[in-house]
Amino acid sequence: MKWGESYWQLVNLVDIILLADDIVQFKFSAPEPLFVRYVVDAKYVIVDCDVEFDEIHWVGTGAFQVTESTDTTFKLAAFDDYYGLRPMIDEVV
């Protein structure tokens, strides 16, 4: 596995197990209280291995959701169902 510049964030990760099509288990050698924060970081986005990346149709979740994507406009709106804190602004264009 190639760790890159933030290898220290997952230094205690010892295994990743696919339990079902939609369930992934991560095993650590020590407690990782910040792991959820790492998972929502863009550099650790989990995507299907059999689906090609599509820059128009994003996969993932976060504090914002794409509401418009055209040649001239890219619009993000606050995602009210996000499990974390709600953004302090409603929309980014």
PDB file of N, CA and C in Angstrom:
ATOM      1  N   MET A   1       0.847  -1.182   0.000  1.00  0.00           N
ATOM      2  CA  MET A   1       0.000   0.000   0.000  1.00  0.00           C
ATOM      3  C   MET A   1       0.889   1.241   0.000  1.00  0.00           C
ATOM      4  N   LYS A   2       0.563   2.199  -0.825  1.00  0.00           N
ATOM      5  CA  LYS A   2       1.314   3.443  -0.892  1.00  0.00           C
ATOM      6  C   LYS A   2       0.664   4.450   0.050  1.00  0.00           C
ATOM      7  N   TRP A   3       1.406   4.956   1.023  1.00  0.00           N
ATOM      8  CA  TRP A   3       0.842   5.823   2.055  1.00  0.00           C
ATOM      9  C   TRP A   3       0.854   7.284   1.672  1.00  0.00           C
ATOM     10  N   GLY A   4       1.839   7.755   0.963  1.00  0.00           N
ATOM     11  CA  GLY A   4       1.880   9.164   0.607  1.00  0.00           C
ATOM     12  C   GLY A   4       2.284  10.047   1.766  1.00  0.00           C
ATOM     13  N   GLU A   5       1.902  11.312   1.679  1.00  0.00           N
ATOM     14  CA  GLU A   5       2.357  12.308   2.652  1.00  0.00           C
ATOM     15  C   GLU A   5       1.713  12.184   4.019  1.00  0.00           C
ATOM     16  N   SER A   6       0.572  11.530   4.135  1.00  0.00           N
ATOM     17  CA  SER A   6      -0.141  11.442   5.417  1.00  0.00           C
ATOM     18  C   SER A   6      -0.127  10.030   5.986  1.00  0.00           C
ATOM     19  N   TYR A   7       0.942   9.302   5.737  1.00  0.00           N
ATOM     20  CA  TYR A   7       1.013   7.911   6.180  1.00  0.00           C
ATOM     21  C   TYR A   7       0.781   7.767   7.687  1.00  0.00           C
ATOM     22  N   TRP A   8       1.198   8.731   8.454  1.00  0.00           N
ATOM     23  CA  TRP A   8       1.103   8.668   9.908  1.00  0.00           C
ATOM     24  C   TRP A   8      -0.351   8.609  10.382  1.00  0.00           C
ATOM     25  N   GLN A   9      -1.302   9.075   9.567  1.00  0.00           N
ATOM     26  CA  GLN A   9      -2.704   9.051   9.982  1.00  0.00           C
ATOM     27  C   GLN A   9      -3.255   7.632  10.069  1.00  0.00           C
ATOM     28  N   LEU A  10      -2.682   6.715   9.318  1.00  0.00           N
ATOM     29  CA  LEU A  10      -3.184   5.342   9.310  1.00  0.00           C
ATOM     30  C   LEU A  10      -2.107   4.327   9.694  1.00  0.00           C
ATOM     31  N   VAL A  11      -1.135   4.757  10.472  1.00  0.00           N
ATOM     32  CA  VAL A  11      -0.023   3.883  10.833  1.00  0.00           C
ATOM     33  C   VAL A  11      -0.494   2.667  11.639  1.00  0.00           C
ATOM     34  N   ASN A  12      -1.609   2.754  12.364  1.00  0.00           N
ATOM     35  CA  ASN A  12      -2.126   1.639  13.156  1.00  0.00           C
ATOM     36  C   ASN A  12      -3.104   0.750  12.398  1.00  0.00           C
ATOM     37  N   LEU A  13      -3.360   1.050  11.133  1.00  0.00           N
ATOM     38  CA  LEU A  13      -4.256   0.234  10.320  1.00  0.00           C
ATOM     39  C   LEU A  13      -3.548  -1.066   9.943  1.00  0.00           C
ATOM     40  N   VAL A  14      -4.158  -2.212  10.316  1.00  0.00           N
ATOM     41  CA  VAL A  14      -3.521  -3.495  10.027  1.00  0.00           C
ATOM     42  C   VAL A  14      -4.279  -4.313   8.987  1.00  0.00           C
ATOM     43  N   ASP A  15      -5.582  -4.034   8.788  1.00  0.00           N
ATOM     44  CA  ASP A  15      -6.336  -4.816   7.815  1.00  0.00           C
ATOM     45  C   ASP A  15      -7.610  -4.080   7.405  1.00  0.00           C
ATOM     46  N   ILE A  16      -8.035  -4.334   6.175  1.00  0.00           N
ATOM     47  CA  ILE A  16      -9.306  -3.829   5.657  1.00  0.00           C
ATOM     48  C   ILE A  16     -10.042  -5.042   5.122  1.00  0.00           C
ATOM     49  N   ILE A  17     -11.244  -5.301   5.658  1.00  0.00           N
ATOM     50  CA  ILE A  17     -11.986  -6.502   5.312  1.00  0.00           C
ATOM     51  C   ILE A  17     -13.334  -6.121   4.716  1.00  0.00           C
ATOM     52  N   LEU A  18     -13.660  -6.691   3.563  1.00  0.00           N
ATOM     53  CA  LEU A  18     -14.960  -6.487   2.934  1.00  0.00           C
ATOM     54  C   LEU A  18     -15.908  -7.536   3.497  1.00  0.00           C
ATOM     55  N   LEU A  19     -16.870  -7.106   4.343  1.00  0.00           N
ATOM     56  CA  LEU A  19     -17.816  -8.027   4.967  1.00  0.00           C
ATOM     57  C   LEU A  19     -19.036  -8.283   4.088  1.00  0.00           C
ATOM     58  N   ALA A  20     -19.401  -7.284   3.291  1.00  0.00           N
ATOM     59  CA  ALA A  20     -20.533  -7.385   2.358  1.00  0.00           C
ATOM     60  C   ALA A  20     -20.315  -6.320   1.296  1.00  0.00           C
ATOM     61  N   ASP A  21     -21.181  -6.288   0.296  1.00  0.00           N
ATOM     62  CA  ASP A  21     -21.028  -5.301  -0.777  1.00  0.00           C
ATOM     63  C   ASP A  21     -21.017  -3.873  -0.264  1.00  0.00           C
ATOM     64  N   ASP A  22     -21.672  -3.625   0.872  1.00  0.00           N
ATOM     65  CA  ASP A  22     -21.763  -2.266   1.402  1.00  0.00           C
ATOM     66  C   ASP A  22     -21.231  -2.134   2.831  1.00  0.00           C
ATOM     67  N   ILE A  23     -20.428  -3.109   3.266  1.00  0.00           N
ATOM     68  CA  ILE A  23     -19.873  -3.061   4.631  1.00  0.00           C
ATOM     69  C   ILE A  23     -18.373  -3.340   4.578  1.00  0.00           C
ATOM     70  N   VAL A  24     -17.601  -2.384   5.088  1.00  0.00           N
ATOM     71  CA  VAL A  24     -16.146  -2.523   5.142  1.00  0.00           C
ATOM     72  C   VAL A  24     -15.724  -2.421   6.600  1.00  0.00           C
ATOM     73  N   GLN A  25     -14.871  -3.350   7.035  1.00  0.00           N
ATOM     74  CA  GLN A  25     -14.366  -3.341   8.408  1.00  0.00           C
ATOM     75  C   GLN A  25     -12.891  -2.963   8.391  1.00  0.00           C
ATOM     76  N   PHE A  26     -12.511  -2.043   9.267  1.00  0.00           N
ATOM     77  CA  PHE A  26     -11.123  -1.616   9.402  1.00  0.00           C
ATOM     78  C   PHE A  26     -10.605  -2.126  10.736  1.00  0.00           C
ATOM     79  N   LYS A  27      -9.444  -2.771  10.732  1.00  0.00           N
ATOM     80  CA  LYS A  27      -8.837  -3.273  11.971  1.00  0.00           C
ATOM     81  C   LYS A  27      -7.576  -2.473  12.258  1.00  0.00           C
ATOM     82  N   PHE A  28      -7.438  -2.063  13.519  1.00  0.00           N
ATOM     83  CA  PHE A  28      -6.299  -1.263  13.955  1.00  0.00           C
ATOM     84  C   PHE A  28      -5.558  -1.963  15.079  1.00  0.00           C
ATOM     85  N   SER A  29      -4.281  -1.678  15.195  1.00  0.00           N
ATOM     86  CA  SER A  29      -3.470  -2.241  16.274  1.00  0.00           C
ATOM     87  C   SER A  29      -3.599  -1.434  17.565  1.00  0.00           C
ATOM     88  N   ALA A  30      -4.197  -0.256  17.465  1.00  0.00           N
ATOM     89  CA  ALA A  30      -4.409   0.618  18.626  1.00  0.00           C
ATOM     90  C   ALA A  30      -5.643   1.473  18.348  1.00  0.00           C
ATOM     91  N   PRO A  31      -6.270   2.030  19.381  1.00  0.00           N
ATOM     92  CA  PRO A  31      -7.447   2.880  19.167  1.00  0.00           C
ATOM     93  C   PRO A  31      -7.135   4.052  18.228  1.00  0.00           C
ATOM     94  N   GLU A  32      -8.095   4.388  17.378  1.00  0.00           N
ATOM     95  CA  GLU A  32      -7.946   5.500  16.427  1.00  0.00           C
ATOM     96  C   GLU A  32      -9.157   6.426  16.554  1.00  0.00           C
ATOM     97  N   PRO A  33      -9.198   7.280  17.568  1.00  0.00           N
ATOM     98  CA  PRO A  33     -10.366   8.144  17.785  1.00  0.00           C
ATOM     99  C   PRO A  33     -10.626   9.139  16.652  1.00  0.00           C
ATOM    100  N   LEU A  34      -9.634   9.434  15.824  1.00  0.00           N
ATOM    101  CA  LEU A  34      -9.816  10.389  14.731  1.00  0.00           C
ATOM    102  C   LEU A  34     -10.098   9.716  13.392  1.00  0.00           C
ATOM    103  N   PHE A  35     -10.285   8.398  13.397  1.00  0.00           N
ATOM    104  CA  PHE A  35     -10.465   7.688  12.132  1.00  0.00           C
ATOM    105  C   PHE A  35     -11.648   8.219  11.324  1.00  0.00           C
ATOM    106  N   VAL A  36     -12.760   8.507  11.964  1.00  0.00           N
ATOM    107  CA  VAL A  36     -13.931   9.023  11.240  1.00  0.00           C
ATOM    108  C   VAL A  36     -13.569  10.320  10.529  1.00  0.00           C
ATOM    109  N   ARG A  37     -12.781  11.158  11.147  1.00  0.00           N
ATOM    110  CA  ARG A  37     -12.334  12.400  10.516  1.00  0.00           C
ATOM    111  C   ARG A  37     -11.493  12.107   9.274  1.00  0.00           C
ATOM    112  N   TYR A  38     -10.647  11.094   9.361  1.00  0.00           N
ATOM    113  CA  TYR A  38      -9.822  10.732   8.208  1.00  0.00           C
ATOM    114  C   TYR A  38     -10.672  10.211   7.059  1.00  0.00           C
ATOM    115  N   VAL A  39     -11.690   9.418   7.368  1.00  0.00           N
ATOM    116  CA  VAL A  39     -12.538   8.827   6.332  1.00  0.00           C
ATOM    117  C   VAL A  39     -13.255   9.899   5.512  1.00  0.00           C
ATOM    118  N   VAL A  40     -13.624  11.011   6.119  1.00  0.00           N
ATOM    119  CA  VAL A  40     -14.324  12.059   5.374  1.00  0.00           C
ATOM    120  C   VAL A  40     -13.361  13.009   4.666  1.00  0.00           C
ATOM    121  N   ASP A  41     -12.070  12.803   4.846  1.00  0.00           N
ATOM    122  CA  ASP A  41     -11.073  13.601   4.145  1.00  0.00           C
ATOM    123  C   ASP A  41     -11.027  13.152   2.684  1.00  0.00           C
ATOM    124  N   ALA A  42     -10.942  14.081   1.769  1.00  0.00           N
ATOM    125  CA  ALA A  42     -10.993  13.773   0.333  1.00  0.00           C
ATOM    126  C   ALA A  42      -9.948  12.755  -0.101  1.00  0.00           C
ATOM    127  N   LYS A  43      -8.783  12.751   0.529  1.00  0.00           N
ATOM    128  CA  LYS A  43      -7.739  11.827   0.079  1.00  0.00           C
ATOM    129  C   LYS A  43      -8.008  10.381   0.481  1.00  0.00           C
ATOM    130  N   TYR A  44      -9.022  10.146   1.322  1.00  0.00           N
ATOM    131  CA  TYR A  44      -9.368   8.784   1.730  1.00  0.00           C
ATOM    132  C   TYR A  44     -10.762   8.379   1.266  1.00  0.00           C
ATOM    133  N   VAL A  45     -11.277   8.978   0.223  1.00  0.00           N
ATOM    134  CA  VAL A  45     -12.597   8.639  -0.282  1.00  0.00           C
ATOM    135  C   VAL A  45     -12.603   7.187  -0.754  1.00  0.00           C
ATOM    136  N   ILE A  46     -13.636   6.448  -0.350  1.00  0.00           N
ATOM    137  CA  ILE A  46     -13.774   5.060  -0.755  1.00  0.00           C
ATOM    138  C   ILE A  46     -14.696   5.009  -1.959  1.00  0.00           C
ATOM    139  N   VAL A  47     -14.239   4.418  -3.031  1.00  0.00           N
ATOM    140  CA  VAL A  47     -15.055   4.282  -4.239  1.00  0.00           C
ATOM    141  C   VAL A  47     -15.039   2.827  -4.684  1.00  0.00           C
ATOM    142  N   ASP A  48     -16.054   2.434  -5.454  1.00  0.00           N
ATOM    143  CA  ASP A  48     -16.122   1.073  -5.973  1.00  0.00           C
ATOM    144  C   ASP A  48     -14.943   0.805  -6.897  1.00  0.00           C
ATOM    145  N   CYS A  49     -14.314  -0.350  -6.744  1.00  0.00           N
ATOM    146  CA  CYS A  49     -13.160  -0.679  -7.578  1.00  0.00           C
ATOM    147  C   CYS A  49     -13.568  -1.010  -9.011  1.00  0.00           C
ATOM    148  N   ASP A  50     -14.837  -1.375  -9.221  1.00  0.00           N
ATOM    149  CA  ASP A  50     -15.277  -1.751 -10.563  1.00  0.00           C
ATOM    150  C   ASP A  50     -16.051  -0.644 -11.278  1.00  0.00           C
ATOM    151  N   VAL A  51     -16.027   0.560 -10.718  1.00  0.00           N
ATOM    152  CA  VAL A  51     -16.712   1.697 -11.339  1.00  0.00           C
ATOM    153  C   VAL A  51     -15.679   2.763 -11.661  1.00  0.00           C
ATOM    154  N   GLU A  52     -15.622   3.160 -12.922  1.00  0.00           N
ATOM    155  CA  GLU A  52     -14.670   4.199 -13.319  1.00  0.00           C
ATOM    156  C   GLU A  52     -15.030   5.535 -12.691  1.00  0.00           C
ATOM    157  N   PHE A  53     -14.014   6.319 -12.350  1.00  0.00           N
ATOM    158  CA  PHE A  53     -14.251   7.642 -11.778  1.00  0.00           C
ATOM    159  C   PHE A  53     -14.938   8.535 -12.807  1.00  0.00           C
ATOM    160  N   ASP A  54     -15.970   9.223 -12.378  1.00  0.00           N
ATOM    161  CA  ASP A  54     -16.719  10.126 -13.249  1.00  0.00           C
ATOM    162  C   ASP A  54     -16.735  11.494 -12.572  1.00  0.00           C
ATOM    163  N   GLU A  55     -16.076  12.467 -13.177  1.00  0.00           N
ATOM    164  CA  GLU A  55     -15.964  13.789 -12.546  1.00  0.00           C
ATOM    165  C   GLU A  55     -17.296  14.522 -12.458  1.00  0.00           C
ATOM    166  N   ILE A  56     -18.318  14.054 -13.154  1.00  0.00           N
ATOM    167  CA  ILE A  56     -19.643  14.682 -13.103  1.00  0.00           C
ATOM    168  C   ILE A  56     -20.515  14.053 -12.022  1.00  0.00           C
ATOM    169  N   HIS A  57     -20.464  12.742 -11.865  1.00  0.00           N
ATOM    170  CA  HIS A  57     -21.300  12.027 -10.897  1.00  0.00           C
ATOM    171  C   HIS A  57     -20.427  11.547  -9.738  1.00  0.00           C
ATOM    172  N   TRP A  58     -20.380  12.319  -8.711  1.00  0.00           N
ATOM    173  CA  TRP A  58     -19.526  12.027  -7.570  1.00  0.00           C
ATOM    174  C   TRP A  58     -20.138  10.960  -6.682  1.00  0.00           C
ATOM    175  N   VAL A  59     -19.286  10.220  -6.004  1.00  0.00           N
ATOM    176  CA  VAL A  59     -19.715   9.240  -5.021  1.00  0.00           C
ATOM    177  C   VAL A  59     -19.139   9.688  -3.692  1.00  0.00           C
ATOM    178  N   GLY A  60     -19.954   9.738  -2.674  1.00  0.00           N
ATOM    179  CA  GLY A  60     -19.451  10.110  -1.360  1.00  0.00           C
ATOM    180  C   GLY A  60     -20.448  10.959  -0.616  1.00  0.00           C
ATOM    181  N   THR A  61     -20.041  11.398   0.542  1.00  0.00           N
ATOM    182  CA  THR A  61     -20.892  12.243   1.351  1.00  0.00           C
ATOM    183  C   THR A  61     -20.019  13.289   2.022  1.00  0.00           C
ATOM    184  N   GLY A  62     -20.644  14.278   2.541  1.00  0.00           N
ATOM    185  CA  GLY A  62     -19.907  15.335   3.208  1.00  0.00           C
ATOM    186  C   GLY A  62     -20.861  16.429   3.614  1.00  0.00           C
ATOM    187  N   ALA A  63     -20.315  17.521   4.040  1.00  0.00           N
ATOM    188  CA  ALA A  63     -21.131  18.628   4.530  1.00  0.00           C
ATOM    189  C   ALA A  63     -21.874  19.349   3.411  1.00  0.00           C
ATOM    190  N   PHE A  64     -21.445  19.139   2.169  1.00  0.00           N
ATOM    191  CA  PHE A  64     -22.098  19.760   1.014  1.00  0.00           C
ATOM    192  C   PHE A  64     -22.494  18.697   0.004  1.00  0.00           C
ATOM    193  N   GLN A  65     -23.461  19.044  -0.849  1.00  0.00           N
ATOM    194  CA  GLN A  65     -23.824  18.181  -1.963  1.00  0.00           C
ATOM    195  C   GLN A  65     -23.854  19.008  -3.244  1.00  0.00           C
ATOM    196  N   VAL A  66     -23.518  18.377  -4.352  1.00  0.00           N
ATOM    197  CA  VAL A  66     -23.530  19.054  -5.649  1.00  0.00           C
ATOM    198  C   VAL A  66     -24.987  19.230  -6.078  1.00  0.00           C
ATOM    199  N   THR A  67     -25.370  20.473  -6.360  1.00  0.00           N
ATOM    200  CA  THR A  67     -26.742  20.732  -6.811  1.00  0.00           C
ATOM    201  C   THR A  67     -26.799  21.192  -8.262  1.00  0.00           C
ATOM    202  N   GLU A  68     -25.669  21.639  -8.795  1.00  0.00           N
ATOM    203  CA  GLU A  68     -25.623  22.038 -10.199  1.00  0.00           C
ATOM    204  C   GLU A  68     -24.192  21.919 -10.699  1.00  0.00           C
ATOM    205  N   SER A  69     -24.055  21.368 -11.895  1.00  0.00           N
ATOM    206  CA  SER A  69     -22.745  21.238 -12.503  1.00  0.00           C
ATOM    207  C   SER A  69     -22.902  21.397 -14.008  1.00  0.00           C
ATOM    208  N   THR A  70     -22.502  22.582 -14.515  1.00  0.00           N
ATOM    209  CA  THR A  70     -22.572  22.864 -15.947  1.00  0.00           C
ATOM    210  C   THR A  70     -21.201  23.349 -16.401  1.00  0.00           C
ATOM    211  N   ASP A  71     -21.089  23.713 -17.663  1.00  0.00           N
ATOM    212  CA  ASP A  71     -19.819  24.233 -18.168  1.00  0.00           C
ATOM    213  C   ASP A  71     -19.420  25.548 -17.508  1.00  0.00           C
ATOM    214  N   THR A  72     -20.406  26.306 -16.998  1.00  0.00           N
ATOM    215  CA  THR A  72     -20.119  27.626 -16.429  1.00  0.00           C
ATOM    216  C   THR A  72     -20.392  27.735 -14.937  1.00  0.00           C
ATOM    217  N   THR A  73     -21.088  26.752 -14.359  1.00  0.00           N
ATOM    218  CA  THR A  73     -21.475  26.854 -12.951  1.00  0.00           C
ATOM    219  C   THR A  73     -21.248  25.534 -12.218  1.00  0.00           C
ATOM    220  N   PHE A  74     -20.695  25.657 -11.017  1.00  0.00           N
ATOM    221  CA  PHE A  74     -20.594  24.509 -10.113  1.00  0.00           C
ATOM    222  C   PHE A  74     -21.149  24.971  -8.787  1.00  0.00           C
ATOM    223  N   LYS A  75     -22.228  24.325  -8.324  1.00  0.00           N
ATOM    224  CA  LYS A  75     -22.928  24.798  -7.136  1.00  0.00           C
ATOM    225  C   LYS A  75     -22.993  23.689  -6.083  1.00  0.00           C
ATOM    226  N   LEU A  76     -22.618  24.034  -4.860  1.00  0.00           N
ATOM    227  CA  LEU A  76     -22.711  23.138  -3.715  1.00  0.00           C
ATOM    228  C   LEU A  76     -23.710  23.724  -2.723  1.00  0.00           C
ATOM    229  N   ALA A  77     -24.538  22.867  -2.134  1.00  0.00           N
ATOM    230  CA  ALA A  77     -25.481  23.307  -1.111  1.00  0.00           C
ATOM    231  C   ALA A  77     -25.230  22.510   0.161  1.00  0.00           C
ATOM    232  N   ALA A  78     -25.537  23.109   1.297  1.00  0.00           N
ATOM    233  CA  ALA A  78     -25.384  22.413   2.567  1.00  0.00           C
ATOM    234  C   ALA A  78     -26.208  21.129   2.537  1.00  0.00           C
ATOM    235  N   PHE A  79     -25.617  20.030   2.985  1.00  0.00           N
ATOM    236  CA  PHE A  79     -26.281  18.729   3.003  1.00  0.00           C
ATOM    237  C   PHE A  79     -26.824  18.506   4.409  1.00  0.00           C
ATOM    238  N   ASP A  80     -28.129  18.721   4.576  1.00  0.00           N
ATOM    239  CA  ASP A  80     -28.744  18.678   5.906  1.00  0.00           C
ATOM    240  C   ASP A  80     -28.704  17.300   6.564  1.00  0.00           C
ATOM    241  N   ASP A  81     -28.548  16.233   5.789  1.00  0.00           N
ATOM    242  CA  ASP A  81     -28.495  14.884   6.355  1.00  0.00           C
ATOM    243  C   ASP A  81     -27.079  14.432   6.696  1.00  0.00           C
ATOM    244  N   TYR A  82     -26.110  15.315   6.541  1.00  0.00           N
ATOM    245  CA  TYR A  82     -24.726  14.994   6.896  1.00  0.00           C
ATOM    246  C   TYR A  82     -24.642  14.739   8.396  1.00  0.00           C
ATOM    247  N   TYR A  83     -23.891  13.708   8.799  1.00  0.00           N
ATOM    248  CA  TYR A  83     -23.838  13.332  10.213  1.00  0.00           C
ATOM    249  C   TYR A  83     -23.021  14.296  11.065  1.00  0.00           C
ATOM    250  N   GLY A  84     -22.183  15.092  10.449  1.00  0.00           N
ATOM    251  CA  GLY A  84     -21.335  16.008  11.208  1.00  0.00           C
ATOM    252  C   GLY A  84     -21.995  17.371  11.383  1.00  0.00           C
ATOM    253  N   LEU A  85     -21.186  18.344  11.655  1.00  0.00           N
ATOM    254  CA  LEU A  85     -21.702  19.692  11.836  1.00  0.00           C
ATOM    255  C   LEU A  85     -22.191  20.273  10.514  1.00  0.00           C
ATOM    256  N   ARG A  86     -23.271  21.021  10.587  1.00  0.00           N
ATOM    257  CA  ARG A  86     -23.804  21.656   9.386  1.00  0.00           C
ATOM    258  C   ARG A  86     -22.916  22.850   9.039  1.00  0.00           C
ATOM    259  N   PRO A  87     -22.650  23.066   7.743  1.00  0.00           N
ATOM    260  CA  PRO A  87     -21.839  24.215   7.347  1.00  0.00           C
ATOM    261  C   PRO A  87     -22.503  25.527   7.777  1.00  0.00           C
ATOM    262  N   MET A  88     -21.701  26.538   7.977  1.00  0.00           N
ATOM    263  CA  MET A  88     -22.220  27.843   8.395  1.00  0.00           C
ATOM    264  C   MET A  88     -22.761  28.640   7.223  1.00  0.00           C
ATOM    265  N   ILE A  89     -22.529  28.173   6.001  1.00  0.00           N
ATOM    266  CA  ILE A  89     -23.099  28.817   4.830  1.00  0.00           C
ATOM    267  C   ILE A  89     -23.989  27.801   4.110  1.00  0.00           C
ATOM    268  N   ASP A  90     -25.011  28.303   3.437  1.00  0.00           N
ATOM    269  CA  ASP A  90     -25.979  27.422   2.783  1.00  0.00           C
ATOM    270  C   ASP A  90     -25.552  26.966   1.398  1.00  0.00           C
ATOM    271  N   GLU A  91     -24.806  27.824   0.676  1.00  0.00           N
ATOM    272  CA  GLU A  91     -24.508  27.511  -0.708  1.00  0.00           C
ATOM    273  C   GLU A  91     -23.168  28.101  -1.127  1.00  0.00           C
ATOM    274  N   VAL A  92     -22.488  27.376  -2.013  1.00  0.00           N
ATOM    275  CA  VAL A  92     -21.229  27.844  -2.594  1.00  0.00           C
ATOM    276  C   VAL A  92     -21.391  27.709  -4.104  1.00  0.00           C
ATOM    277  N   VAL A  93     -21.111  28.796  -4.859  1.00  0.00           N
ATOM    278  CA  VAL A  93     -21.226  28.764  -6.315  1.00  0.00           C
ATOM    279  C   VAL A  93     -19.862  29.070  -6.911  1.00  0.00           C
TER     280      VAL A  93
END
